[in-house]
């Protein structure tokens, strides 16, 4: 038996989750937001520092455990915004020293993939025997990250990715240009539902890679021209960019000969992207998995869940050596050696 506490702090969200033997006991988080503009890393880090203790205490209450029952502390080591990562790491080390338990560094992107294989990620299907994906291609779409990932030869390999900006940052930038505030994804999705006309936009797919900056420039030009309805631009953006993402995912399924697609990351909360992935998977006879929304957005539970896998595999740092651990803000998914498979 093991109880692992996980801390997420890579960007705008500070979250703490607790997992016991693969079961999620709690998942508490608080997100930094703005009325206008985008994420300011220093301000987001300040938010994390101020909210950390309260989130920690709430997570313990929700999990119905005492802190002395915790066996290890996991935290997001990277990739992410350095000021935000530092706050999460410092809080993790503080608890480790207090409880004299090991520290488990976790790659944020790998955690998004692992939680998709957790039975508890699909509460809506529990009575139907859902077990989660077993060997999927992951379409990982978040703020800074847009990657097509699959396990091969000891690592989660990146078969395709954005050549410039992540799709989440792309959408937030588009929303910011419309003065919609941060995060912009939900507001753009709401606008897109009201759109009726498909406006031609650049379509940039190169193998299994995508490029988004040119589309963003084109959208800004169209906004400035005042010739198009904002709702139609939002609708056209989603239809074009999501079609690009689904195309690369389908190509990856064929390339690595896998029969499961897993959607992960905050942008996966978009219902239109989910719908397009479902259609593609149905047409090619593949299974489709998308976890519940609280596990798609950044959260501590996925860090705790992955941390437990690492802890049980002996991949952790004892409390007396935790000062040797540092953040890895630019760590890539395919740089992480997967020793537990």
Foldseek 3Di string as FASTA:
>chain_A
DAKEWFFEFQFFKTWIWIDDPLHTQFWDMDGDWDLADEGDRVVSLVVCLVCVVVRVVVNCVSSVHDLLRHAEYEYEQDAHDASRRVSRLVVRLVSCVVNQHWYFYDHQVVLQVVVQQRQNLAPVCVVVPDRGDDWAFEQEAAFFWGFTWGDDDQFTDTPETEPDGTPQVLQCVLCNLVSRIPPRLVVLLVLLVPADDADDFDAAADQLYGYRPRRSVVLSVVVVVVPDDSSNSSNNVCVRVLVRSLVSNLSVCVVVVDQEYEYAAQSVVRPVSVVVNVVSSVVVVGHYTYGDNSSRYTIRNSRRSVSVLCVVVVNTGGSVPSVVDHHDNPDDRRVDGRPRD
